Amino acid sequence: MTPKSAPSHLVDDLESALDAAAARLSRRDAPKELLEPAGVAGLLRMTLEEWGLIAALWTAIVVTPWWLYPAIAFVLAGRFHALGVVLHDATHMPLRRKTAGIRIVEVLCGYPIASTLNAMRYHHLRHHRDSGMATDPYYKAGRQNRVWLTLNILRGLALPPFWSVRAVVGAAASVVPRLRNTYAHIFLQDRTRDDLRLSREVIECAHAEWGQVGFQALIVLATLAFPRALLWGYIVPVSVAGLLAARRVLIEHTYERVANRQMETIINTTNDNHLGLLGAVGLAPRNIGYHIVHHIHPQVRLGALPRLRDWYARTHPDVYPPVRR
């Protein structure tokens, strides 16, 4: 008998038990040795690993029969997806300034997917702080049926061009204050109604876009010089990566409005997904599918999430849900 078909008093009892169990759960209970933070060296290692795979896949496109391209393109899209996940890990670091290593990660992981570290930090950290609330940048409203799912996945195709436009608008906003509200509310997904023209954070995001604009200019020049190579080796895979990222974000969260940031809210509105081989290849690369523990401990590095999830599943089986594979 499922909760939906069970008598109402049983559903109430189950929900009460889950809430009580969740109330006993505290971040402070997790062993400190499992709470390994992300570090610059680890980010650089993952970045170089992904670019090594990308180079190998580009070579494969050239030397293999054309009919293998769809399979290669999917794996290549997964690597561009992974670059975004590595950049995402950097967003959770307590950065006061960008070191040389962080700038390398931003250029090699962020620029190819049309993002900067500043822009991702702006919307992603607000998502973690306000997940499911009115100010959550990632919240998707609407009736959650197949049409809703399909349309929101297809929005992923628009991510690379939308973020490319964001770079231009942001760069302009760095010198034209009246553009900053448009830049922040539309392109950085700020869900407040605040006047952000003097926001230091928005201004820093806008200034960071100049590097992205320069990279986009190089992409345009390369496309004009080598249109076929850029189309099949970069534009198509990055577009597919946008679809993969949009799909992943949709299934990682349960889109219900919440009014607090308590532990039970995280558990009830966040989902693990694709923890196997297919996830590693492209659907949830670099352990980002271990999403519940990521929301509980967002500063724990990606590589440490499997052990941390195992600890939570072993010690709190009454509140940690089954894995979606």
C-alpha atoms as a PDB file:
ATOM      1  CA  MET A   1       0.000   0.000   0.000  1.00  0.00           C
ATOM      2  CA  THR A   2       1.485   3.341  -0.998  1.00  0.00           C
ATOM      3  CA  PRO A   3       1.059   6.525   1.025  1.00  0.00           C
ATOM      4  CA  LYS A   4      -1.323   7.899  -1.629  1.00  0.00           C
ATOM      5  CA  SER A   5      -3.640   4.908  -1.298  1.00  0.00           C
ATOM      6  CA  ALA A   6      -3.302   4.505   2.460  1.00  0.00           C
ATOM      7  CA  PRO A   7      -5.901   5.788   4.949  1.00  0.00           C
ATOM      8  CA  SER A   8      -5.273   9.400   5.890  1.00  0.00           C
ATOM      9  CA  HIS A   9      -4.406   8.617   9.510  1.00  0.00           C
ATOM     10  CA  LEU A  10      -1.652   6.231   8.341  1.00  0.00           C
ATOM     11  CA  VAL A  11      -0.250   8.881   6.028  1.00  0.00           C
ATOM     12  CA  ASP A  12      -0.282  11.372   8.918  1.00  0.00           C
ATOM     13  CA  ASP A  13       1.469   8.883  11.164  1.00  0.00           C
ATOM     14  CA  LEU A  14       4.110   8.182   8.524  1.00  0.00           C
ATOM     15  CA  GLU A  15       4.750  11.868   7.915  1.00  0.00           C
ATOM     16  CA  SER A  16       4.979  12.491  11.654  1.00  0.00           C
ATOM     17  CA  ALA A  17       7.498   9.677  12.031  1.00  0.00           C
ATOM     18  CA  LEU A  18       9.607  11.015   9.171  1.00  0.00           C
ATOM     19  CA  ASP A  19       9.526  14.525  10.589  1.00  0.00           C
ATOM     20  CA  ALA A  20      10.521  13.260  14.025  1.00  0.00           C
ATOM     21  CA  ALA A  21      13.364  11.217  12.567  1.00  0.00           C
ATOM     22  CA  ALA A  22      14.544  14.145  10.474  1.00  0.00           C
ATOM     23  CA  ALA A  23      14.435  16.376  13.535  1.00  0.00           C
ATOM     24  CA  ARG A  24      16.940  14.016  15.194  1.00  0.00           C
ATOM     25  CA  LEU A  25      19.265  14.353  12.237  1.00  0.00           C
ATOM     26  CA  SER A  26      21.913  17.033  12.503  1.00  0.00           C
ATOM     27  CA  ARG A  27      24.764  18.011  10.224  1.00  0.00           C
ATOM     28  CA  ARG A  28      26.989  17.946  13.291  1.00  0.00           C
ATOM     29  CA  ASP A  29      26.437  14.184  13.628  1.00  0.00           C
ATOM     30  CA  ALA A  30      28.440  13.389  10.481  1.00  0.00           C
ATOM     31  CA  PRO A  31      32.041  12.257  11.164  1.00  0.00           C
ATOM     32  CA  LYS A  32      34.497  15.041  10.440  1.00  0.00           C
ATOM     33  CA  GLU A  33      36.747  12.721   8.452  1.00  0.00           C
ATOM     34  CA  LEU A  34      33.936  12.348   5.889  1.00  0.00           C
ATOM     35  CA  LEU A  35      33.494  16.100   5.445  1.00  0.00           C
ATOM     36  CA  GLU A  36      36.398  16.691   3.066  1.00  0.00           C
ATOM     37  CA  PRO A  37      36.196  20.166   1.496  1.00  0.00           C
ATOM     38  CA  ALA A  38      36.945  20.918  -2.129  1.00  0.00           C
ATOM     39  CA  GLY A  39      40.480  22.122  -2.830  1.00  0.00           C
ATOM     40  CA  VAL A  40      42.185  23.858  -5.726  1.00  0.00           C
ATOM     41  CA  ALA A  41      44.493  20.902  -6.434  1.00  0.00           C
ATOM     42  CA  GLY A  42      41.546  18.518  -6.718  1.00  0.00           C
ATOM     43  CA  LEU A  43      39.654  20.908  -8.977  1.00  0.00           C
ATOM     44  CA  LEU A  44      42.663  21.275 -11.265  1.00  0.00           C
ATOM     45  CA  ARG A  45      43.119  17.500 -11.400  1.00  0.00           C
ATOM     46  CA  MET A  46      39.483  16.955 -12.410  1.00  0.00           C
ATOM     47  CA  THR A  47      39.718  19.777 -14.948  1.00  0.00           C
ATOM     48  CA  LEU A  48      42.771  18.250 -16.627  1.00  0.00           C
ATOM     49  CA  GLU A  49      41.177  14.787 -16.589  1.00  0.00           C
ATOM     50  CA  GLU A  50      38.086  16.099 -18.341  1.00  0.00           C
ATOM     51  CA  TRP A  51      40.092  17.995 -20.950  1.00  0.00           C
ATOM     52  CA  GLY A  52      42.195  14.887 -21.594  1.00  0.00           C
ATOM     53  CA  LEU A  53      38.984  12.965 -22.281  1.00  0.00           C
ATOM     54  CA  ILE A  54      37.659  15.775 -24.478  1.00  0.00           C
ATOM     55  CA  ALA A  55      40.863  15.744 -26.542  1.00  0.00           C
ATOM     56  CA  ALA A  56      40.602  11.966 -26.931  1.00  0.00           C
ATOM     57  CA  LEU A  57      36.973  12.227 -28.029  1.00  0.00           C
ATOM     58  CA  TRP A  58      37.790  14.960 -30.542  1.00  0.00           C
ATOM     59  CA  THR A  59      40.409  12.641 -31.966  1.00  0.00           C
ATOM     60  CA  ALA A  60      37.865   9.831 -32.098  1.00  0.00           C
ATOM     61  CA  ILE A  61      35.493  12.005 -34.139  1.00  0.00           C
ATOM     62  CA  VAL A  62      38.231  12.475 -36.734  1.00  0.00           C
ATOM     63  CA  VAL A  63      39.484   8.888 -36.991  1.00  0.00           C
ATOM     64  CA  THR A  64      36.291   6.823 -36.560  1.00  0.00           C
ATOM     65  CA  PRO A  65      33.421   6.209 -39.027  1.00  0.00           C
ATOM     66  CA  TRP A  66      30.763   8.940 -39.184  1.00  0.00           C
ATOM     67  CA  TRP A  67      28.030   6.652 -37.873  1.00  0.00           C
ATOM     68  CA  LEU A  68      29.780   6.495 -34.492  1.00  0.00           C
ATOM     69  CA  TYR A  69      29.376  10.237 -34.071  1.00  0.00           C
ATOM     70  CA  PRO A  70      26.096  10.156 -32.064  1.00  0.00           C
ATOM     71  CA  ALA A  71      27.645   7.908 -29.403  1.00  0.00           C
ATOM     72  CA  ILE A  72      30.849   9.943 -29.280  1.00  0.00           C
ATOM     73  CA  ALA A  73      28.879  13.190 -29.141  1.00  0.00           C
ATOM     74  CA  PHE A  74      26.858  11.940 -26.168  1.00  0.00           C
ATOM     75  CA  VAL A  75      30.008  11.054 -24.234  1.00  0.00           C
ATOM     76  CA  LEU A  76      31.574  14.371 -25.279  1.00  0.00           C
ATOM     77  CA  ALA A  77      28.467  16.213 -24.066  1.00  0.00           C
ATOM     78  CA  GLY A  78      28.868  14.396 -20.771  1.00  0.00           C
ATOM     79  CA  ARG A  79      32.393  15.777 -20.455  1.00  0.00           C
ATOM     80  CA  PHE A  80      31.194  19.355 -21.044  1.00  0.00           C
ATOM     81  CA  HIS A  81      28.460  18.638 -18.496  1.00  0.00           C
ATOM     82  CA  ALA A  82      31.221  17.499 -16.132  1.00  0.00           C
ATOM     83  CA  LEU A  83      33.111  20.773 -16.644  1.00  0.00           C
ATOM     84  CA  GLY A  84      30.056  22.569 -15.293  1.00  0.00           C
ATOM     85  CA  VAL A  85      29.965  20.211 -12.310  1.00  0.00           C
ATOM     86  CA  VAL A  86      33.634  20.886 -11.538  1.00  0.00           C
ATOM     87  CA  LEU A  87      32.999  24.644 -11.716  1.00  0.00           C
ATOM     88  CA  HIS A  88      30.006  24.062  -9.448  1.00  0.00           C
ATOM     89  CA  ASP A  89      32.318  22.457  -6.865  1.00  0.00           C
ATOM     90  CA  ALA A  90      34.414  25.628  -6.919  1.00  0.00           C
ATOM     91  CA  THR A  91      31.342  27.762  -6.193  1.00  0.00           C
ATOM     92  CA  HIS A  92      31.053  26.181  -2.747  1.00  0.00           C
ATOM     93  CA  MET A  93      34.590  27.065  -1.707  1.00  0.00           C
ATOM     94  CA  PRO A  94      34.918  30.004   0.734  1.00  0.00           C
ATOM     95  CA  LEU A  95      36.728  32.203  -1.777  1.00  0.00           C
ATOM     96  CA  ARG A  96      37.764  35.732  -0.870  1.00  0.00           C
ATOM     97  CA  ARG A  97      39.623  36.171  -4.127  1.00  0.00           C
ATOM     98  CA  LYS A  98      40.416  34.175  -7.232  1.00  0.00           C
ATOM     99  CA  THR A  99      43.808  32.539  -6.985  1.00  0.00           C
ATOM    100  CA  ALA A 100      45.729  31.532 -10.115  1.00  0.00           C
ATOM    101  CA  GLY A 101      44.445  27.970  -9.769  1.00  0.00           C
ATOM    102  CA  ILE A 102      40.828  29.085  -9.453  1.00  0.00           C
ATOM    103  CA  ARG A 103      41.181  31.310 -12.506  1.00  0.00           C
ATOM    104  CA  ILE A 104      42.466  28.345 -14.499  1.00  0.00           C
ATOM    105  CA  VAL A 105      39.443  26.311 -13.387  1.00  0.00           C
ATOM    106  CA  GLU A 106      37.127  29.165 -14.343  1.00  0.00           C
ATOM    107  CA  VAL A 107      38.657  29.559 -17.802  1.00  0.00           C
ATOM    108  CA  LEU A 108      38.844  25.841 -18.608  1.00  0.00           C
ATOM    109  CA  CYS A 109      35.553  24.763 -16.995  1.00  0.00           C
ATOM    110  CA  GLY A 110      33.379  27.876 -17.034  1.00  0.00           C
ATOM    111  CA  TYR A 111      34.145  29.681 -20.263  1.00  0.00           C
ATOM    112  CA  PRO A 112      33.524  26.670 -22.566  1.00  0.00           C
ATOM    113  CA  ILE A 113      29.982  26.315 -21.156  1.00  0.00           C
ATOM    114  CA  ALA A 114      29.420  30.099 -21.283  1.00  0.00           C
ATOM    115  CA  SER A 115      29.652  30.696 -17.541  1.00  0.00           C
ATOM    116  CA  THR A 116      31.855  32.492 -15.079  1.00  0.00           C
ATOM    117  CA  LEU A 117      32.536  31.449 -11.513  1.00  0.00           C
ATOM    118  CA  ASN A 118      30.919  34.667 -10.277  1.00  0.00           C
ATOM    119  CA  ALA A 119      27.694  34.110 -12.191  1.00  0.00           C
ATOM    120  CA  MET A 120      27.379  30.494 -11.092  1.00  0.00           C
ATOM    121  CA  ARG A 121      28.083  31.415  -7.474  1.00  0.00           C
ATOM    122  CA  TYR A 122      25.383  34.069  -7.606  1.00  0.00           C
ATOM    123  CA  HIS A 123      22.496  31.816  -8.632  1.00  0.00           C
ATOM    124  CA  HIS A 124      23.740  28.497  -7.270  1.00  0.00           C
ATOM    125  CA  LEU A 125      24.471  29.599  -3.713  1.00  0.00           C
ATOM    126  CA  ARG A 126      21.037  31.241  -3.565  1.00  0.00           C
ATOM    127  CA  HIS A 127      19.518  27.960  -4.725  1.00  0.00           C
ATOM    128  CA  HIS A 128      21.151  26.157  -1.806  1.00  0.00           C
ATOM    129  CA  ARG A 129      20.196  28.830   0.690  1.00  0.00           C
ATOM    130  CA  ASP A 130      16.571  29.097  -0.459  1.00  0.00           C
ATOM    131  CA  SER A 131      15.867  25.720  -2.093  1.00  0.00           C
ATOM    132  CA  GLY A 132      12.135  25.439  -2.739  1.00  0.00           C
ATOM    133  CA  MET A 133      11.408  28.915  -1.442  1.00  0.00           C
ATOM    134  CA  ALA A 134      10.112  31.902  -3.389  1.00  0.00           C
ATOM    135  CA  THR A 135      13.650  33.186  -3.922  1.00  0.00           C
ATOM    136  CA  ASP A 136      15.048  29.875  -5.231  1.00  0.00           C
ATOM    137  CA  PRO A 137      16.452  30.628  -8.718  1.00  0.00           C
ATOM    138  CA  TYR A 138      15.991  27.007  -9.831  1.00  0.00           C
ATOM    139  CA  TYR A 139      12.367  26.561  -8.818  1.00  0.00           C
ATOM    140  CA  LYS A 140      10.140  25.431 -11.695  1.00  0.00           C
ATOM    141  CA  ALA A 141       6.464  26.240 -11.338  1.00  0.00           C
ATOM    142  CA  GLY A 142       3.598  24.535 -13.148  1.00  0.00           C
ATOM    143  CA  ARG A 143       1.787  21.239 -13.242  1.00  0.00           C
ATOM    144  CA  GLN A 144       4.468  18.571 -13.126  1.00  0.00           C
ATOM    145  CA  ASN A 145       3.425  16.286 -15.976  1.00  0.00           C
ATOM    146  CA  ARG A 146       5.250  15.023 -19.062  1.00  0.00           C
ATOM    147  CA  VAL A 147       4.678  18.249 -20.971  1.00  0.00           C
ATOM    148  CA  TRP A 148       6.166  20.250 -18.081  1.00  0.00           C
ATOM    149  CA  LEU A 149       9.126  17.870 -17.919  1.00  0.00           C
ATOM    150  CA  THR A 150       9.749  17.945 -21.678  1.00  0.00           C
ATOM    151  CA  LEU A 151       9.543  21.725 -21.959  1.00  0.00           C
ATOM    152  CA  ASN A 152      11.863  22.274 -19.018  1.00  0.00           C
ATOM    153  CA  ILE A 153      14.404  19.813 -20.424  1.00  0.00           C
ATOM    154  CA  LEU A 154      14.281  21.512 -23.827  1.00  0.00           C
ATOM    155  CA  ARG A 155      15.052  24.794 -22.099  1.00  0.00           C
ATOM    156  CA  GLY A 156      18.521  23.327 -21.681  1.00  0.00           C
ATOM    157  CA  LEU A 157      19.166  23.936 -25.379  1.00  0.00           C
ATOM    158  CA  ALA A 158      18.863  27.648 -24.695  1.00  0.00           C
ATOM    159  CA  LEU A 159      21.397  27.675 -21.850  1.00  0.00           C
ATOM    160  CA  PRO A 160      24.627  28.192 -23.877  1.00  0.00           C
ATOM    161  CA  PRO A 161      23.211  30.992 -26.096  1.00  0.00           C
ATOM    162  CA  PHE A 162      21.346  32.567 -23.160  1.00  0.00           C
ATOM    163  CA  TRP A 163      24.502  32.623 -21.054  1.00  0.00           C
ATOM    164  CA  SER A 164      26.460  33.991 -24.019  1.00  0.00           C
ATOM    165  CA  VAL A 165      24.015  36.894 -24.213  1.00  0.00           C
ATOM    166  CA  ARG A 166      24.342  37.247 -20.431  1.00  0.00           C
ATOM    167  CA  ALA A 167      28.071  37.838 -20.858  1.00  0.00           C
ATOM    168  CA  VAL A 168      27.480  40.745 -23.235  1.00  0.00           C
ATOM    169  CA  VAL A 169      24.747  42.281 -21.075  1.00  0.00           C
ATOM    170  CA  GLY A 170      26.853  41.841 -17.955  1.00  0.00           C
ATOM    171  CA  ALA A 171      29.921  43.426 -19.496  1.00  0.00           C
ATOM    172  CA  ALA A 172      27.792  46.393 -20.550  1.00  0.00           C
ATOM    173  CA  ALA A 173      26.229  46.532 -17.070  1.00  0.00           C
ATOM    174  CA  SER A 174      29.695  46.857 -15.552  1.00  0.00           C
ATOM    175  CA  VAL A 175      29.870  50.355 -17.037  1.00  0.00           C
ATOM    176  CA  VAL A 176      26.152  51.214 -17.398  1.00  0.00           C
ATOM    177  CA  PRO A 177      24.481  51.017 -13.961  1.00  0.00           C
ATOM    178  CA  ARG A 178      20.921  51.112 -15.276  1.00  0.00           C
ATOM    179  CA  LEU A 179      21.492  47.715 -16.925  1.00  0.00           C
ATOM    180  CA  ARG A 180      22.404  46.017 -13.639  1.00  0.00           C
ATOM    181  CA  ASN A 181      18.866  45.231 -12.530  1.00  0.00           C
ATOM    182  CA  THR A 182      18.130  43.615 -15.898  1.00  0.00           C
ATOM    183  CA  TYR A 183      21.387  41.694 -15.706  1.00  0.00           C
ATOM    184  CA  ALA A 184      20.784  40.499 -12.149  1.00  0.00           C
ATOM    185  CA  HIS A 185      17.077  39.721 -12.274  1.00  0.00           C
ATOM    186  CA  ILE A 186      17.019  38.071 -15.708  1.00  0.00           C
ATOM    187  CA  PHE A 187      20.479  36.663 -16.317  1.00  0.00           C
ATOM    188  CA  LEU A 188      21.678  35.959 -12.764  1.00  0.00           C
ATOM    189  CA  GLN A 189      18.178  34.730 -11.835  1.00  0.00           C
ATOM    190  CA  ASP A 190      17.835  36.950  -8.781  1.00  0.00           C
ATOM    191  CA  ARG A 191      14.287  36.347  -7.520  1.00  0.00           C
ATOM    192  CA  THR A 192      14.066  39.407  -5.280  1.00  0.00           C
ATOM    193  CA  ARG A 193      12.672  42.743  -6.364  1.00  0.00           C
ATOM    194  CA  ASP A 194      15.588  44.649  -4.916  1.00  0.00           C
ATOM    195  CA  ASP A 195      17.305  47.527  -6.659  1.00  0.00           C
ATOM    196  CA  LEU A 196      20.714  45.998  -7.352  1.00  0.00           C
ATOM    197  CA  ARG A 197      22.408  48.794  -9.239  1.00  0.00           C
ATOM    198  CA  LEU A 198      24.833  49.369  -6.365  1.00  0.00           C
ATOM    199  CA  SER A 199      25.181  45.726  -5.323  1.00  0.00           C
ATOM    200  CA  ARG A 200      28.866  44.916  -4.983  1.00  0.00           C
ATOM    201  CA  GLU A 201      28.209  41.270  -5.834  1.00  0.00           C
ATOM    202  CA  VAL A 202      26.327  42.149  -9.028  1.00  0.00           C
ATOM    203  CA  ILE A 203      29.035  44.597 -10.064  1.00  0.00           C
ATOM    204  CA  GLU A 204      31.727  41.932  -9.531  1.00  0.00           C
ATOM    205  CA  CYS A 205      29.699  39.461 -11.612  1.00  0.00           C
ATOM    206  CA  ALA A 206      29.355  42.054 -14.352  1.00  0.00           C
ATOM    207  CA  HIS A 207      33.094  42.801 -14.442  1.00  0.00           C
ATOM    208  CA  ALA A 208      33.862  39.062 -14.600  1.00  0.00           C
ATOM    209  CA  GLU A 209      31.836  38.813 -17.820  1.00  0.00           C
ATOM    210  CA  TRP A 210      34.540  40.587 -19.820  1.00  0.00           C
ATOM    211  CA  GLY A 211      36.635  37.417 -19.805  1.00  0.00           C
ATOM    212  CA  GLN A 212      33.638  35.434 -21.027  1.00  0.00           C
ATOM    213  CA  VAL A 213      33.040  37.993 -23.799  1.00  0.00           C
ATOM    214  CA  GLY A 214      36.642  37.571 -24.936  1.00  0.00           C
ATOM    215  CA  PHE A 215      36.278  33.799 -25.010  1.00  0.00           C
ATOM    216  CA  GLN A 216      33.016  34.033 -26.974  1.00  0.00           C
ATOM    217  CA  ALA A 217      34.759  36.269 -29.505  1.00  0.00           C
ATOM    218  CA  LEU A 218      37.416  33.580 -29.990  1.00  0.00           C
ATOM    219  CA  ILE A 219      34.679  30.973 -30.488  1.00  0.00           C
ATOM    220  CA  VAL A 220      33.035  33.138 -33.152  1.00  0.00           C
ATOM    221  CA  LEU A 221      36.348  33.572 -34.977  1.00  0.00           C
ATOM    222  CA  ALA A 222      37.111  29.852 -34.761  1.00  0.00           C
ATOM    223  CA  THR A 223      33.646  29.018 -36.084  1.00  0.00           C
ATOM    224  CA  LEU A 224      34.139  31.311 -39.064  1.00  0.00           C
ATOM    225  CA  ALA A 225      37.507  29.699 -39.776  1.00  0.00           C
ATOM    226  CA  PHE A 226      36.554  26.059 -39.094  1.00  0.00           C
ATOM    227  CA  PRO A 227      32.747  25.852 -39.192  1.00  0.00           C
ATOM    228  CA  ARG A 228      32.412  22.059 -39.457  1.00  0.00           C
ATOM    229  CA  ALA A 229      34.920  21.329 -36.716  1.00  0.00           C
ATOM    230  CA  LEU A 230      33.314  23.790 -34.298  1.00  0.00           C
ATOM    231  CA  LEU A 231      29.791  22.611 -35.131  1.00  0.00           C
ATOM    232  CA  TRP A 232      30.385  18.891 -34.544  1.00  0.00           C
ATOM    233  CA  GLY A 233      33.142  19.135 -31.975  1.00  0.00           C
ATOM    234  CA  TYR A 234      31.832  21.946 -29.804  1.00  0.00           C
ATOM    235  CA  ILE A 235      28.446  23.506 -30.590  1.00  0.00           C
ATOM    236  CA  VAL A 236      26.467  20.246 -30.814  1.00  0.00           C
ATOM    237  CA  PRO A 237      28.049  18.616 -27.725  1.00  0.00           C
ATOM    238  CA  VAL A 238      27.680  21.764 -25.606  1.00  0.00           C
ATOM    239  CA  SER A 239      24.028  22.044 -26.650  1.00  0.00           C
ATOM    240  CA  VAL A 240      23.427  18.417 -25.655  1.00  0.00           C
ATOM    241  CA  ALA A 241      25.239  19.126 -22.386  1.00  0.00           C
ATOM    242  CA  GLY A 242      22.662  21.844 -21.755  1.00  0.00           C
ATOM    243  CA  LEU A 243      19.898  19.255 -22.153  1.00  0.00           C
ATOM    244  CA  LEU A 244      21.665  16.851 -19.793  1.00  0.00           C
ATOM    245  CA  ALA A 245      22.139  19.549 -17.163  1.00  0.00           C
ATOM    246  CA  ALA A 246      18.518  20.718 -17.413  1.00  0.00           C
ATOM    247  CA  ARG A 247      17.240  17.160 -17.074  1.00  0.00           C
ATOM    248  CA  ARG A 248      19.488  16.448 -14.104  1.00  0.00           C
ATOM    249  CA  VAL A 249      18.438  19.553 -12.192  1.00  0.00           C
ATOM    250  CA  LEU A 250      14.775  18.681 -12.749  1.00  0.00           C
ATOM    251  CA  ILE A 251      15.029  15.198 -11.272  1.00  0.00           C
ATOM    252  CA  GLU A 252      17.329  16.256  -8.439  1.00  0.00           C
ATOM    253  CA  HIS A 253      14.581  18.316  -6.851  1.00  0.00           C
ATOM    254  CA  THR A 254      10.936  17.953  -5.891  1.00  0.00           C
ATOM    255  CA  TYR A 255       9.284  21.215  -6.847  1.00  0.00           C
ATOM    256  CA  GLU A 256       7.127  21.984  -3.845  1.00  0.00           C
ATOM    257  CA  ARG A 257       7.034  25.376  -2.176  1.00  0.00           C
ATOM    258  CA  VAL A 258       8.569  25.306   1.291  1.00  0.00           C
ATOM    259  CA  ALA A 259       8.805  27.916   4.021  1.00  0.00           C
ATOM    260  CA  ASN A 260      11.972  26.885   5.865  1.00  0.00           C
ATOM    261  CA  ARG A 261      15.485  25.503   5.470  1.00  0.00           C
ATOM    262  CA  GLN A 262      15.208  22.701   8.005  1.00  0.00           C
ATOM    263  CA  MET A 263      16.811  19.303   7.514  1.00  0.00           C
ATOM    264  CA  GLU A 264      13.529  17.563   6.764  1.00  0.00           C
ATOM    265  CA  THR A 265      12.878  20.078   3.995  1.00  0.00           C
ATOM    266  CA  ILE A 266      16.157  19.134   2.310  1.00  0.00           C
ATOM    267  CA  ILE A 267      15.427  15.432   2.605  1.00  0.00           C
ATOM    268  CA  ASN A 268      11.867  15.731   1.309  1.00  0.00           C
ATOM    269  CA  THR A 269      12.635  17.980  -1.675  1.00  0.00           C
ATOM    270  CA  THR A 270      15.997  16.649  -2.921  1.00  0.00           C
ATOM    271  CA  ASN A 271      16.679  13.406  -4.807  1.00  0.00           C
ATOM    272  CA  ASP A 272      19.694  11.234  -5.550  1.00  0.00           C
ATOM    273  CA  ASN A 273      19.942  10.125  -9.169  1.00  0.00           C
ATOM    274  CA  HIS A 274      22.038   8.120 -11.628  1.00  0.00           C
ATOM    275  CA  LEU A 275      24.799   6.928  -9.329  1.00  0.00           C
ATOM    276  CA  GLY A 276      25.962   4.225 -11.734  1.00  0.00           C
ATOM    277  CA  LEU A 277      27.932   4.090 -14.982  1.00  0.00           C
ATOM    278  CA  LEU A 278      25.438   6.045 -17.085  1.00  0.00           C
ATOM    279  CA  GLY A 279      25.547   8.842 -14.546  1.00  0.00           C
ATOM    280  CA  ALA A 280      29.339   8.947 -14.668  1.00  0.00           C
ATOM    281  CA  VAL A 281      29.295   9.009 -18.480  1.00  0.00           C
ATOM    282  CA  GLY A 282      26.946  11.954 -18.781  1.00  0.00           C
ATOM    283  CA  LEU A 283      23.702  12.077 -16.819  1.00  0.00           C
ATOM    284  CA  ALA A 284      25.193  12.980 -13.420  1.00  0.00           C
ATOM    285  CA  PRO A 285      28.984  13.189 -13.763  1.00  0.00           C
ATOM    286  CA  ARG A 286      31.541  13.587 -11.006  1.00  0.00           C
ATOM    287  CA  ASN A 287      29.179  12.301  -8.263  1.00  0.00           C
ATOM    288  CA  ILE A 288      26.768  15.236  -8.526  1.00  0.00           C
ATOM    289  CA  GLY A 289      23.966  12.647  -8.420  1.00  0.00           C
ATOM    290  CA  TYR A 290      24.666  12.188  -4.699  1.00  0.00           C
ATOM    291  CA  HIS A 291      22.481  15.195  -4.337  1.00  0.00           C
ATOM    292  CA  ILE A 292      20.837  14.850  -0.942  1.00  0.00           C
ATOM    293  CA  VAL A 293      24.132  14.776   0.942  1.00  0.00           C
ATOM    294  CA  HIS A 294      25.375  17.540  -1.344  1.00  0.00           C
ATOM    295  CA  HIS A 295      22.534  19.760  -0.147  1.00  0.00           C
ATOM    296  CA  ILE A 296      23.105  18.734   3.465  1.00  0.00           C
ATOM    297  CA  HIS A 297      26.865  19.383   3.209  1.00  0.00           C
ATOM    298  CA  PRO A 298      27.383  21.632   0.141  1.00  0.00           C
ATOM    299  CA  GLN A 299      31.057  22.349   0.880  1.00  0.00           C
ATOM    300  CA  VAL A 300      32.054  18.667   0.844  1.00  0.00           C
ATOM    301  CA  ARG A 301      33.998  17.863  -2.311  1.00  0.00           C
ATOM    302  CA  LEU A 302      32.416  15.758  -5.036  1.00  0.00           C
ATOM    303  CA  GLY A 303      34.753  12.812  -4.555  1.00  0.00           C
ATOM    304  CA  ALA A 304      33.793  12.482  -0.886  1.00  0.00           C
ATOM    305  CA  LEU A 305      30.024  12.322  -1.443  1.00  0.00           C
ATOM    306  CA  PRO A 306      29.678   8.512  -1.953  1.00  0.00           C
ATOM    307  CA  ARG A 307      31.195   7.673   1.447  1.00  0.00           C
ATOM    308  CA  LEU A 308      29.169  10.409   3.106  1.00  0.00           C
ATOM    309  CA  ARG A 309      25.969   9.100   1.560  1.00  0.00           C
ATOM    310  CA  ASP A 310      26.805   5.582   2.718  1.00  0.00           C
ATOM    311  CA  TRP A 311      27.173   6.865   6.269  1.00  0.00           C
ATOM    312  CA  TYR A 312      23.799   8.627   6.179  1.00  0.00           C
ATOM    313  CA  ALA A 313      22.070   5.624   4.586  1.00  0.00           C
ATOM    314  CA  ARG A 314      23.575   3.291   7.187  1.00  0.00           C
ATOM    315  CA  THR A 315      22.913   5.453  10.246  1.00  0.00           C
ATOM    316  CA  HIS A 316      19.603   7.050   9.220  1.00  0.00           C
ATOM    317  CA  PRO A 317      17.763   4.524   6.988  1.00  0.00           C
ATOM    318  CA  ASP A 318      14.423   5.854   8.195  1.00  0.00           C
ATOM    319  CA  VAL A 319      14.904   9.218   6.533  1.00  0.00           C
ATOM    320  CA  TYR A 320      17.296   8.605   3.656  1.00  0.00           C
ATOM    321  CA  PRO A 321      15.282   7.512   0.602  1.00  0.00           C
ATOM    322  CA  PRO A 322      16.195   4.774  -1.915  1.00  0.00           C
ATOM    323  CA  VAL A 323      18.490   5.625  -4.792  1.00  0.00           C
ATOM    324  CA  ARG A 324      17.087   6.455  -8.240  1.00  0.00           C
ATOM    325  CA  ARG A 325      19.228   4.574 -10.745  1.00  0.00           C
END
